[in-house]
Amino acid sequence: MYDLSKSSHFDILCLAYNYEKFGLNLYSKFDQNDVFKGICDIRSKGIELISQLATNYNYKLKRKKISLNLDFPEQIDQAIYFEEQINLFYQNATDFVDLETRDLFFRLWATSNNEYLKTLNLIKNQSNLQNMSSNFEDFIKFAKNLQNNKFDKDSINKIINSQEFSLFSGIAVGGLISAAIKEYLEKNN
C-alpha cells in the first residue's frame, strides 16, 4: 500500500484513477459472468467520475503502474484481494483529500465494500459449499465401502487429505456416540 501522507491531491486522484483502471482491466480478463460484467460497468462509471473530478481541478490524470500480487489460482480470490486492497486505499486516501474528493472516494469505497466484496464472498462461499457437498458425498461413499470392507489405499488417502476430513470424521464420531448413547438408554429403560 502506498504512503499517501506526502502525496499531493493530484497524485492521490491519479492513484484512484489507476486503481480503478487496474480493476477494470482485471475483471475484463475474467470469465465473463453477470457479476464480473456488472462490476466492469460500474467501475467504468467510477473511472468517469474520477476523470470528471480531475477535470474540475484542471488536472490531467497520468497513467501509473499499480503493483498488486494477484498470485491466486482462482479468479474469485484475485477479485476479492483486489477489492480489499482498493478499499484500504480509499480508507487511507480520505485523510489526505478535500471534501468533494472524500465524498467520491467514500461512494467508490462503499460500492466496493458493500456490493462487490459481499457478492464476491457469497460466490466464493457457494463454491466452497458445492465442493464440500461433493467431498461429503465421497466421504459417505467411503464410509459405506469401509463398512463393507471395500476400500483401498487411494480412497483412504483421498479422504484423509480432504480439507473437510476433521469435520466429516467429527460428524461420524458424533453419530457413533449418539447411537451408543441411544442403545445404552434403550437397554437401561
N, C-alpha and C. Protein backbone atom coordinates (compact mmCIF):
# COMPACT_ATOMS: atom_id res chain seq x y z
N MET A 1 0.86 -1.18 0.00
CA MET A 1 0.00 0.00 0.00
C MET A 1 0.90 1.23 0.00
N TYR A 2 0.41 2.25 -0.63
CA TYR A 2 1.16 3.48 -0.78
C TYR A 2 1.05 4.35 0.47
N ASP A 3 2.15 5.05 0.80
CA ASP A 3 2.12 6.05 1.87
C ASP A 3 1.62 7.35 1.23
N LEU A 4 0.43 7.74 1.59
CA LEU A 4 -0.19 8.90 0.95
C LEU A 4 0.05 10.19 1.71
N SER A 5 0.71 10.13 2.86
CA SER A 5 0.86 11.31 3.71
C SER A 5 1.63 12.44 3.02
N LYS A 6 2.50 12.11 2.08
CA LYS A 6 3.27 13.14 1.39
C LYS A 6 2.83 13.31 -0.06
N SER A 7 1.71 12.70 -0.40
CA SER A 7 1.20 12.77 -1.77
C SER A 7 0.32 13.99 -1.96
N SER A 8 0.38 14.55 -3.13
CA SER A 8 -0.48 15.70 -3.44
C SER A 8 -1.88 15.19 -3.79
N HIS A 9 -2.82 16.12 -3.80
CA HIS A 9 -4.19 15.81 -4.20
C HIS A 9 -4.18 15.19 -5.59
N PHE A 10 -3.40 15.78 -6.49
CA PHE A 10 -3.27 15.26 -7.86
C PHE A 10 -2.78 13.82 -7.85
N ASP A 11 -1.72 13.54 -7.09
CA ASP A 11 -1.16 12.18 -7.04
C ASP A 11 -2.19 11.17 -6.52
N ILE A 12 -2.95 11.57 -5.53
CA ILE A 12 -3.95 10.67 -4.95
C ILE A 12 -5.07 10.41 -5.96
N LEU A 13 -5.50 11.44 -6.67
CA LEU A 13 -6.51 11.23 -7.72
C LEU A 13 -5.97 10.31 -8.82
N CYS A 14 -4.72 10.50 -9.18
CA CYS A 14 -4.10 9.61 -10.18
C CYS A 14 -4.08 8.17 -9.69
N LEU A 15 -3.75 7.98 -8.42
CA LEU A 15 -3.74 6.62 -7.87
C LEU A 15 -5.14 6.01 -7.90
N ALA A 16 -6.13 6.78 -7.51
CA ALA A 16 -7.51 6.27 -7.54
C ALA A 16 -7.89 5.89 -8.96
N TYR A 17 -7.58 6.75 -9.90
CA TYR A 17 -7.86 6.50 -11.32
C TYR A 17 -7.18 5.21 -11.77
N ASN A 18 -5.93 5.06 -11.40
CA ASN A 18 -5.17 3.89 -11.83
C ASN A 18 -5.61 2.61 -11.12
N TYR A 19 -5.99 2.71 -9.87
CA TYR A 19 -6.56 1.54 -9.19
C TYR A 19 -7.84 1.09 -9.89
N GLU A 20 -8.70 2.05 -10.20
CA GLU A 20 -9.96 1.70 -10.87
C GLU A 20 -9.69 1.12 -12.26
N LYS A 21 -8.74 1.69 -12.99
CA LYS A 21 -8.36 1.15 -14.31
C LYS A 21 -7.80 -0.27 -14.16
N PHE A 22 -6.97 -0.47 -13.15
CA PHE A 22 -6.41 -1.81 -12.89
C PHE A 22 -7.55 -2.79 -12.65
N GLY A 23 -8.50 -2.40 -11.81
CA GLY A 23 -9.64 -3.27 -11.52
C GLY A 23 -10.46 -3.57 -12.76
N LEU A 24 -10.71 -2.56 -13.57
CA LEU A 24 -11.47 -2.77 -14.81
C LEU A 24 -10.75 -3.76 -15.71
N ASN A 25 -9.45 -3.59 -15.85
CA ASN A 25 -8.64 -4.50 -16.67
C ASN A 25 -8.66 -5.92 -16.08
N LEU A 26 -8.54 -6.02 -14.78
CA LEU A 26 -8.56 -7.32 -14.11
C LEU A 26 -9.86 -8.06 -14.38
N TYR A 27 -10.97 -7.40 -14.12
CA TYR A 27 -12.28 -8.03 -14.31
C TYR A 27 -12.56 -8.37 -15.77
N SER A 28 -12.06 -7.54 -16.68
CA SER A 28 -12.32 -7.80 -18.10
C SER A 28 -11.57 -9.04 -18.59
N LYS A 29 -10.53 -9.46 -17.86
CA LYS A 29 -9.78 -10.68 -18.22
C LYS A 29 -10.46 -11.94 -17.71
N PHE A 30 -11.36 -11.79 -16.76
CA PHE A 30 -12.02 -12.95 -16.15
C PHE A 30 -13.08 -13.53 -17.09
N ASP A 31 -13.47 -14.78 -16.80
CA ASP A 31 -14.61 -15.37 -17.48
C ASP A 31 -15.78 -14.42 -17.27
N GLN A 32 -16.41 -14.03 -18.32
CA GLN A 32 -17.44 -13.00 -18.20
C GLN A 32 -18.79 -13.57 -17.79
N ASN A 33 -19.07 -13.47 -16.51
CA ASN A 33 -20.39 -13.80 -15.99
C ASN A 33 -21.09 -12.48 -15.65
N ASP A 34 -22.33 -12.55 -15.24
CA ASP A 34 -23.10 -11.33 -14.96
C ASP A 34 -22.47 -10.48 -13.87
N VAL A 35 -21.90 -11.11 -12.85
CA VAL A 35 -21.30 -10.37 -11.73
C VAL A 35 -20.09 -9.58 -12.22
N PHE A 36 -19.17 -10.24 -12.92
CA PHE A 36 -17.97 -9.56 -13.39
C PHE A 36 -18.31 -8.47 -14.41
N LYS A 37 -19.27 -8.73 -15.28
CA LYS A 37 -19.70 -7.72 -16.25
C LYS A 37 -20.29 -6.51 -15.52
N GLY A 38 -21.11 -6.77 -14.52
CA GLY A 38 -21.72 -5.68 -13.76
C GLY A 38 -20.68 -4.84 -13.05
N ILE A 39 -19.68 -5.50 -12.45
CA ILE A 39 -18.61 -4.76 -11.78
C ILE A 39 -17.84 -3.92 -12.79
N CYS A 40 -17.57 -4.47 -13.97
CA CYS A 40 -16.87 -3.70 -15.01
C CYS A 40 -17.67 -2.46 -15.39
N ASP A 41 -18.96 -2.62 -15.58
CA ASP A 41 -19.81 -1.49 -15.97
C ASP A 41 -19.79 -0.39 -14.90
N ILE A 42 -19.96 -0.79 -13.65
CA ILE A 42 -19.99 0.19 -12.57
C ILE A 42 -18.61 0.81 -12.36
N ARG A 43 -17.57 -0.02 -12.48
CA ARG A 43 -16.21 0.50 -12.30
C ARG A 43 -15.90 1.52 -13.41
N SER A 44 -16.39 1.30 -14.61
CA SER A 44 -16.19 2.26 -15.71
C SER A 44 -16.80 3.61 -15.34
N LYS A 45 -17.95 3.57 -14.70
CA LYS A 45 -18.60 4.82 -14.27
C LYS A 45 -17.78 5.51 -13.18
N GLY A 46 -17.15 4.71 -12.31
CA GLY A 46 -16.27 5.28 -11.29
C GLY A 46 -15.08 5.98 -11.92
N ILE A 47 -14.53 5.38 -12.96
CA ILE A 47 -13.41 6.00 -13.68
C ILE A 47 -13.85 7.32 -14.29
N GLU A 48 -15.05 7.35 -14.85
CA GLU A 48 -15.59 8.59 -15.42
C GLU A 48 -15.73 9.67 -14.35
N LEU A 49 -16.23 9.28 -13.16
CA LEU A 49 -16.40 10.25 -12.07
C LEU A 49 -15.05 10.81 -11.62
N ILE A 50 -14.04 9.95 -11.52
CA ILE A 50 -12.70 10.41 -11.13
C ILE A 50 -12.16 11.35 -12.21
N SER A 51 -12.33 10.98 -13.47
CA SER A 51 -11.86 11.82 -14.58
C SER A 51 -12.56 13.18 -14.57
N GLN A 52 -13.85 13.19 -14.30
CA GLN A 52 -14.61 14.44 -14.24
C GLN A 52 -14.12 15.32 -13.09
N LEU A 53 -13.89 14.69 -11.94
CA LEU A 53 -13.38 15.44 -10.80
C LEU A 53 -12.01 16.04 -11.12
N ALA A 54 -11.16 15.26 -11.76
CA ALA A 54 -9.84 15.76 -12.15
C ALA A 54 -9.97 16.95 -13.11
N THR A 55 -10.91 16.86 -14.03
CA THR A 55 -11.16 17.97 -14.96
C THR A 55 -11.60 19.22 -14.20
N ASN A 56 -12.43 19.04 -13.19
CA ASN A 56 -12.87 20.18 -12.37
C ASN A 56 -11.68 20.89 -11.71
N TYR A 57 -10.62 20.14 -11.42
CA TYR A 57 -9.42 20.72 -10.80
C TYR A 57 -8.36 21.08 -11.83
N ASN A 58 -8.70 20.94 -13.12
CA ASN A 58 -7.75 21.18 -14.22
C ASN A 58 -6.54 20.25 -14.15
N TYR A 59 -6.78 19.03 -13.69
CA TYR A 59 -5.73 18.01 -13.65
C TYR A 59 -5.82 17.16 -14.92
N LYS A 60 -4.67 16.78 -15.41
CA LYS A 60 -4.62 15.79 -16.49
C LYS A 60 -4.06 14.52 -15.85
N LEU A 61 -4.93 13.53 -15.67
CA LEU A 61 -4.55 12.30 -14.97
C LEU A 61 -3.47 11.54 -15.73
N LYS A 62 -2.54 11.01 -14.98
CA LYS A 62 -1.43 10.24 -15.57
C LYS A 62 -1.62 8.76 -15.26
N ARG A 63 -1.27 7.96 -16.24
CA ARG A 63 -1.30 6.51 -16.03
C ARG A 63 -0.07 6.13 -15.22
N LYS A 64 -0.29 5.37 -14.16
CA LYS A 64 0.80 4.85 -13.34
C LYS A 64 0.56 3.36 -13.15
N LYS A 65 1.63 2.64 -13.06
CA LYS A 65 1.51 1.19 -12.88
C LYS A 65 1.14 0.89 -11.43
N ILE A 66 0.09 0.11 -11.26
CA ILE A 66 -0.31 -0.37 -9.94
C ILE A 66 0.25 -1.77 -9.80
N SER A 67 0.93 -2.00 -8.71
CA SER A 67 1.55 -3.31 -8.49
C SER A 67 0.85 -4.02 -7.34
N LEU A 68 0.14 -5.08 -7.69
CA LEU A 68 -0.52 -5.92 -6.69
C LEU A 68 -0.15 -7.37 -6.96
N ASN A 69 0.14 -8.11 -5.93
CA ASN A 69 0.45 -9.53 -6.08
C ASN A 69 -0.87 -10.30 -6.13
N LEU A 70 -1.27 -10.66 -7.33
CA LEU A 70 -2.52 -11.41 -7.51
C LEU A 70 -2.22 -12.87 -7.83
N ASP A 71 -1.31 -13.43 -7.08
CA ASP A 71 -0.89 -14.80 -7.32
C ASP A 71 -1.85 -15.78 -6.65
N PHE A 72 -3.08 -15.78 -7.14
CA PHE A 72 -4.10 -16.69 -6.64
C PHE A 72 -4.59 -17.50 -7.83
N PRO A 73 -4.82 -18.80 -7.64
CA PRO A 73 -5.25 -19.62 -8.77
C PRO A 73 -6.66 -19.33 -9.25
N GLU A 74 -7.53 -18.90 -8.35
CA GLU A 74 -8.93 -18.69 -8.70
C GLU A 74 -9.21 -17.21 -8.96
N GLN A 75 -10.00 -16.93 -9.99
CA GLN A 75 -10.37 -15.56 -10.31
C GLN A 75 -11.09 -14.89 -9.15
N ILE A 76 -11.94 -15.62 -8.49
CA ILE A 76 -12.72 -15.04 -7.39
C ILE A 76 -11.79 -14.56 -6.27
N ASP A 77 -10.71 -15.31 -6.01
CA ASP A 77 -9.75 -14.91 -4.97
C ASP A 77 -8.98 -13.66 -5.40
N GLN A 78 -8.64 -13.57 -6.69
CA GLN A 78 -7.98 -12.36 -7.20
C GLN A 78 -8.90 -11.15 -7.04
N ALA A 79 -10.16 -11.34 -7.39
CA ALA A 79 -11.12 -10.24 -7.30
C ALA A 79 -11.30 -9.78 -5.85
N ILE A 80 -11.43 -10.73 -4.93
CA ILE A 80 -11.60 -10.39 -3.51
C ILE A 80 -10.38 -9.64 -3.00
N TYR A 81 -9.19 -10.13 -3.32
CA TYR A 81 -7.96 -9.47 -2.87
C TYR A 81 -7.88 -8.05 -3.44
N PHE A 82 -8.19 -7.89 -4.72
CA PHE A 82 -8.17 -6.56 -5.32
C PHE A 82 -9.12 -5.62 -4.59
N GLU A 83 -10.35 -6.08 -4.36
CA GLU A 83 -11.33 -5.23 -3.69
C GLU A 83 -10.88 -4.86 -2.28
N GLU A 84 -10.26 -5.78 -1.58
CA GLU A 84 -9.74 -5.48 -0.24
C GLU A 84 -8.66 -4.41 -0.31
N GLN A 85 -7.80 -4.49 -1.32
CA GLN A 85 -6.71 -3.52 -1.46
C GLN A 85 -7.22 -2.14 -1.86
N ILE A 86 -8.17 -2.09 -2.79
CA ILE A 86 -8.68 -0.78 -3.19
C ILE A 86 -9.47 -0.15 -2.04
N ASN A 87 -10.13 -0.97 -1.24
CA ASN A 87 -10.83 -0.44 -0.06
C ASN A 87 -9.84 0.18 0.92
N LEU A 88 -8.73 -0.49 1.14
CA LEU A 88 -7.70 0.08 2.02
C LEU A 88 -7.18 1.41 1.47
N PHE A 89 -6.99 1.46 0.16
CA PHE A 89 -6.54 2.71 -0.46
C PHE A 89 -7.54 3.83 -0.18
N TYR A 90 -8.82 3.58 -0.47
CA TYR A 90 -9.83 4.63 -0.27
C TYR A 90 -9.95 5.03 1.19
N GLN A 91 -9.88 4.07 2.09
CA GLN A 91 -9.94 4.39 3.53
C GLN A 91 -8.80 5.30 3.93
N ASN A 92 -7.62 5.01 3.43
CA ASN A 92 -6.43 5.80 3.76
C ASN A 92 -6.46 7.16 3.05
N ALA A 93 -6.88 7.16 1.79
CA ALA A 93 -6.81 8.38 0.98
C ALA A 93 -7.74 9.48 1.48
N THR A 94 -8.84 9.12 2.12
CA THR A 94 -9.79 10.15 2.56
C THR A 94 -9.18 11.10 3.59
N ASP A 95 -8.11 10.70 4.23
CA ASP A 95 -7.45 11.57 5.21
C ASP A 95 -6.64 12.69 4.55
N PHE A 96 -6.41 12.58 3.24
CA PHE A 96 -5.48 13.50 2.58
C PHE A 96 -6.09 14.25 1.41
N VAL A 97 -7.41 14.28 1.33
CA VAL A 97 -8.06 14.95 0.20
C VAL A 97 -9.15 15.90 0.71
N ASP A 98 -9.63 16.73 -0.20
CA ASP A 98 -10.68 17.69 0.16
C ASP A 98 -12.03 16.99 0.27
N LEU A 99 -13.03 17.75 0.67
CA LEU A 99 -14.36 17.21 0.94
C LEU A 99 -15.01 16.60 -0.31
N GLU A 100 -14.90 17.25 -1.44
CA GLU A 100 -15.52 16.74 -2.68
C GLU A 100 -14.89 15.40 -3.09
N THR A 101 -13.57 15.33 -3.00
CA THR A 101 -12.87 14.09 -3.36
C THR A 101 -13.19 13.01 -2.33
N ARG A 102 -13.23 13.40 -1.07
CA ARG A 102 -13.56 12.45 0.00
C ARG A 102 -14.94 11.83 -0.23
N ASP A 103 -15.89 12.66 -0.65
CA ASP A 103 -17.23 12.17 -0.94
C ASP A 103 -17.21 11.14 -2.06
N LEU A 104 -16.50 11.44 -3.14
CA LEU A 104 -16.40 10.49 -4.25
C LEU A 104 -15.71 9.21 -3.79
N PHE A 105 -14.61 9.34 -3.08
CA PHE A 105 -13.89 8.15 -2.60
C PHE A 105 -14.77 7.31 -1.67
N PHE A 106 -15.55 7.98 -0.84
CA PHE A 106 -16.44 7.24 0.05
C PHE A 106 -17.45 6.44 -0.77
N ARG A 107 -18.02 7.06 -1.80
CA ARG A 107 -19.00 6.35 -2.63
C ARG A 107 -18.35 5.17 -3.36
N LEU A 108 -17.14 5.35 -3.87
CA LEU A 108 -16.44 4.25 -4.54
C LEU A 108 -16.09 3.14 -3.55
N TRP A 109 -15.63 3.54 -2.36
CA TRP A 109 -15.33 2.55 -1.31
C TRP A 109 -16.60 1.79 -0.93
N ALA A 110 -17.70 2.51 -0.71
CA ALA A 110 -18.94 1.87 -0.27
C ALA A 110 -19.45 0.88 -1.31
N THR A 111 -19.35 1.24 -2.58
CA THR A 111 -19.78 0.32 -3.64
C THR A 111 -18.92 -0.93 -3.63
N SER A 112 -17.63 -0.75 -3.52
CA SER A 112 -16.72 -1.90 -3.49
C SER A 112 -16.95 -2.75 -2.25
N ASN A 113 -16.98 -2.11 -1.10
CA ASN A 113 -17.08 -2.83 0.17
C ASN A 113 -18.45 -3.47 0.38
N ASN A 114 -19.50 -2.73 0.08
CA ASN A 114 -20.86 -3.20 0.39
C ASN A 114 -21.52 -3.98 -0.74
N GLU A 115 -21.02 -3.83 -1.94
CA GLU A 115 -21.62 -4.53 -3.08
C GLU A 115 -20.67 -5.60 -3.63
N TYR A 116 -19.53 -5.16 -4.15
CA TYR A 116 -18.63 -6.10 -4.82
C TYR A 116 -18.12 -7.18 -3.86
N LEU A 117 -17.55 -6.74 -2.74
CA LEU A 117 -16.96 -7.72 -1.81
C LEU A 117 -18.00 -8.69 -1.26
N LYS A 118 -19.15 -8.19 -0.89
CA LYS A 118 -20.19 -9.08 -0.37
C LYS A 118 -20.62 -10.09 -1.42
N THR A 119 -20.80 -9.64 -2.64
CA THR A 119 -21.20 -10.54 -3.72
C THR A 119 -20.10 -11.55 -4.02
N LEU A 120 -18.87 -11.09 -4.11
CA LEU A 120 -17.75 -11.99 -4.40
C LEU A 120 -17.57 -13.03 -3.30
N ASN A 121 -17.68 -12.61 -2.05
CA ASN A 121 -17.57 -13.57 -0.94
C ASN A 121 -18.72 -14.57 -0.94
N LEU A 122 -19.90 -14.11 -1.31
CA LEU A 122 -21.04 -15.02 -1.41
C LEU A 122 -20.80 -16.07 -2.49
N ILE A 123 -20.30 -15.63 -3.64
CA ILE A 123 -19.98 -16.57 -4.73
C ILE A 123 -18.94 -17.57 -4.26
N LYS A 124 -17.90 -17.07 -3.59
CA LYS A 124 -16.84 -17.97 -3.11
C LYS A 124 -17.41 -18.97 -2.10
N ASN A 125 -18.23 -18.51 -1.18
CA ASN A 125 -18.81 -19.41 -0.18
C ASN A 125 -19.72 -20.45 -0.82
N GLN A 126 -20.49 -20.06 -1.84
CA GLN A 126 -21.34 -21.02 -2.53
C GLN A 126 -20.49 -22.07 -3.22
N SER A 127 -19.38 -21.63 -3.82
CA SER A 127 -18.47 -22.57 -4.48
C SER A 127 -17.86 -23.52 -3.46
N ASN A 128 -17.47 -22.98 -2.30
CA ASN A 128 -16.91 -23.82 -1.25
C ASN A 128 -17.93 -24.83 -0.74
N LEU A 129 -19.19 -24.41 -0.61
CA LEU A 129 -20.24 -25.33 -0.17
C LEU A 129 -20.47 -26.44 -1.19
N GLN A 130 -20.41 -26.09 -2.47
CA GLN A 130 -20.58 -27.11 -3.50
C GLN A 130 -19.44 -28.12 -3.44
N ASN A 131 -18.21 -27.62 -3.25
CA ASN A 131 -17.06 -28.53 -3.12
C ASN A 131 -17.19 -29.39 -1.87
N MET A 132 -17.64 -28.78 -0.79
CA MET A 132 -17.80 -29.51 0.47
C MET A 132 -18.88 -30.59 0.32
N SER A 133 -19.95 -30.25 -0.37
CA SER A 133 -21.02 -31.22 -0.60
C SER A 133 -20.51 -32.41 -1.40
N SER A 134 -19.72 -32.12 -2.43
CA SER A 134 -19.14 -33.19 -3.24
C SER A 134 -18.20 -34.05 -2.39
N ASN A 135 -17.38 -33.41 -1.56
CA ASN A 135 -16.46 -34.15 -0.70
C ASN A 135 -17.24 -34.96 0.34
N PHE A 136 -18.37 -34.43 0.82
CA PHE A 136 -19.18 -35.16 1.79
C PHE A 136 -19.76 -36.42 1.15
N GLU A 137 -20.19 -36.29 -0.11
CA GLU A 137 -20.70 -37.47 -0.82
C GLU A 137 -19.60 -38.52 -0.95
N ASP A 138 -18.36 -38.08 -1.24
CA ASP A 138 -17.23 -39.02 -1.29
C ASP A 138 -17.01 -39.68 0.06
N PHE A 139 -17.16 -38.88 1.13
CA PHE A 139 -16.96 -39.42 2.48
C PHE A 139 -18.02 -40.47 2.81
N ILE A 140 -19.27 -40.20 2.44
CA ILE A 140 -20.35 -41.16 2.68
C ILE A 140 -20.08 -42.45 1.91
N LYS A 141 -19.68 -42.30 0.65
CA LYS A 141 -19.37 -43.47 -0.17
C LYS A 141 -18.21 -44.26 0.47
N PHE A 142 -17.19 -43.54 0.94
CA PHE A 142 -16.06 -44.19 1.59
C PHE A 142 -16.52 -44.92 2.86
N ALA A 143 -17.37 -44.28 3.65
CA ALA A 143 -17.85 -44.90 4.89
C ALA A 143 -18.62 -46.18 4.59
N LYS A 144 -19.44 -46.17 3.56
CA LYS A 144 -20.17 -47.38 3.17
C LYS A 144 -19.22 -48.47 2.72
N ASN A 145 -18.22 -48.08 1.92
CA ASN A 145 -17.23 -49.07 1.47
C ASN A 145 -16.43 -49.61 2.64
N LEU A 146 -16.11 -48.75 3.59
CA LEU A 146 -15.38 -49.17 4.79
C LEU A 146 -16.22 -50.17 5.59
N GLN A 147 -17.48 -49.88 5.70
CA GLN A 147 -18.39 -50.75 6.43
C GLN A 147 -18.47 -52.13 5.76
N ASN A 148 -18.37 -52.16 4.44
CA ASN A 148 -18.46 -53.42 3.69
C ASN A 148 -17.08 -53.99 3.34
N ASN A 149 -16.05 -53.47 3.98
CA ASN A 149 -14.66 -53.89 3.72
C ASN A 149 -14.26 -53.76 2.25
N LYS A 150 -14.75 -52.73 1.60
CA LYS A 150 -14.41 -52.46 0.20
C LYS A 150 -13.71 -51.11 0.11
N PHE A 151 -12.46 -51.08 0.44
CA PHE A 151 -11.70 -49.84 0.37
C PHE A 151 -10.27 -50.15 -0.02
N ASP A 152 -9.55 -49.14 -0.48
CA ASP A 152 -8.15 -49.31 -0.85
C ASP A 152 -7.34 -48.11 -0.35
N LYS A 153 -6.06 -48.18 -0.53
CA LYS A 153 -5.15 -47.15 -0.04
C LYS A 153 -5.46 -45.78 -0.66
N ASP A 154 -5.76 -45.74 -1.97
CA ASP A 154 -6.04 -44.47 -2.64
C ASP A 154 -7.29 -43.80 -2.07
N SER A 155 -8.35 -44.58 -1.84
CA SER A 155 -9.58 -43.98 -1.31
C SER A 155 -9.36 -43.49 0.12
N ILE A 156 -8.55 -44.21 0.90
CA ILE A 156 -8.25 -43.76 2.26
C ILE A 156 -7.46 -42.45 2.22
N ASN A 157 -6.44 -42.38 1.37
CA ASN A 157 -5.64 -41.15 1.26
C ASN A 157 -6.47 -39.97 0.79
N LYS A 158 -7.38 -40.21 -0.16
CA LYS A 158 -8.22 -39.13 -0.67
C LYS A 158 -9.06 -38.55 0.47
N ILE A 159 -9.64 -39.38 1.28
CA ILE A 159 -10.49 -38.90 2.38
C ILE A 159 -9.66 -38.23 3.46
N ILE A 160 -8.55 -38.85 3.84
CA ILE A 160 -7.70 -38.30 4.90
C ILE A 160 -7.14 -36.93 4.50
N ASN A 161 -6.83 -36.75 3.22
CA ASN A 161 -6.25 -35.49 2.75
C ASN A 161 -7.29 -34.44 2.39
N SER A 162 -8.56 -34.78 2.52
CA SER A 162 -9.63 -33.82 2.25
C SER A 162 -9.59 -32.72 3.30
N GLN A 163 -9.85 -31.48 2.86
CA GLN A 163 -9.87 -30.35 3.80
C GLN A 163 -10.94 -30.52 4.86
N GLU A 164 -11.98 -31.23 4.52
CA GLU A 164 -13.10 -31.39 5.44
C GLU A 164 -13.01 -32.66 6.28
N PHE A 165 -11.88 -33.37 6.23
CA PHE A 165 -11.77 -34.65 6.93
C PHE A 165 -12.11 -34.53 8.41
N SER A 166 -11.57 -33.52 9.08
CA SER A 166 -11.83 -33.40 10.51
C SER A 166 -13.31 -33.13 10.78
N LEU A 167 -13.94 -32.33 9.92
CA LEU A 167 -15.37 -32.08 10.07
C LEU A 167 -16.17 -33.36 9.88
N PHE A 168 -15.88 -34.07 8.78
CA PHE A 168 -16.63 -35.29 8.48
C PHE A 168 -16.39 -36.38 9.51
N SER A 169 -15.15 -36.51 9.95
CA SER A 169 -14.87 -37.54 10.95
C SER A 169 -15.52 -37.17 12.28
N GLY A 170 -15.59 -35.87 12.58
CA GLY A 170 -16.29 -35.43 13.79
C GLY A 170 -17.77 -35.75 13.72
N ILE A 171 -18.35 -35.56 12.55
CA ILE A 171 -19.76 -35.91 12.35
C ILE A 171 -19.95 -37.41 12.54
N ALA A 172 -19.04 -38.18 11.95
CA ALA A 172 -19.15 -39.64 12.06
C ALA A 172 -19.00 -40.09 13.50
N VAL A 173 -18.01 -39.56 14.21
CA VAL A 173 -17.82 -39.93 15.62
C VAL A 173 -19.03 -39.50 16.44
N GLY A 174 -19.53 -38.30 16.17
CA GLY A 174 -20.73 -37.84 16.86
C GLY A 174 -21.91 -38.76 16.62
N GLY A 175 -22.05 -39.24 15.39
CA GLY A 175 -23.11 -40.19 15.07
C GLY A 175 -22.95 -41.50 15.81
N LEU A 176 -21.71 -41.99 15.89
CA LEU A 176 -21.44 -43.24 16.62
C LEU A 176 -21.75 -43.08 18.11
N ILE A 177 -21.34 -41.95 18.66
CA ILE A 177 -21.58 -41.71 20.09
C ILE A 177 -23.09 -41.60 20.35
N SER A 178 -23.78 -40.90 19.46
CA SER A 178 -25.24 -40.78 19.61
C SER A 178 -25.90 -42.14 19.56
N ALA A 179 -25.47 -42.99 18.63
CA ALA A 179 -26.05 -44.34 18.51
C ALA A 179 -25.76 -45.15 19.77
N ALA A 180 -24.53 -45.03 20.30
CA ALA A 180 -24.16 -45.78 21.51
C ALA A 180 -24.99 -45.31 22.71
N ILE A 181 -25.18 -43.99 22.83
CA ILE A 181 -25.98 -43.44 23.94
C ILE A 181 -27.42 -43.92 23.81
N LYS A 182 -27.95 -43.85 22.60
CA LYS A 182 -29.33 -44.29 22.38
C LYS A 182 -29.48 -45.76 22.75
N GLU A 183 -28.53 -46.59 22.34
CA GLU A 183 -28.58 -48.03 22.65
C GLU A 183 -28.49 -48.24 24.15
N TYR A 184 -27.61 -47.51 24.82
CA TYR A 184 -27.46 -47.64 26.27
C TYR A 184 -28.77 -47.26 26.99
N LEU A 185 -29.37 -46.13 26.55
CA LEU A 185 -30.61 -45.68 27.17
C LEU A 185 -31.75 -46.67 26.94
N GLU A 186 -31.79 -47.24 25.77
CA GLU A 186 -32.84 -48.22 25.48
C GLU A 186 -32.69 -49.48 26.34
N LYS A 187 -31.46 -49.91 26.59
CA LYS A 187 -31.20 -51.10 27.41
C LYS A 187 -31.52 -50.82 28.89
N ASN A 188 -31.27 -49.60 29.33
CA ASN A 188 -31.42 -49.29 30.76
C ASN A 188 -32.77 -48.67 31.10
N ASN A 189 -33.67 -48.59 30.20
CA ASN A 189 -35.02 -48.04 30.49
C ASN A 189 -36.03 -49.12 30.59
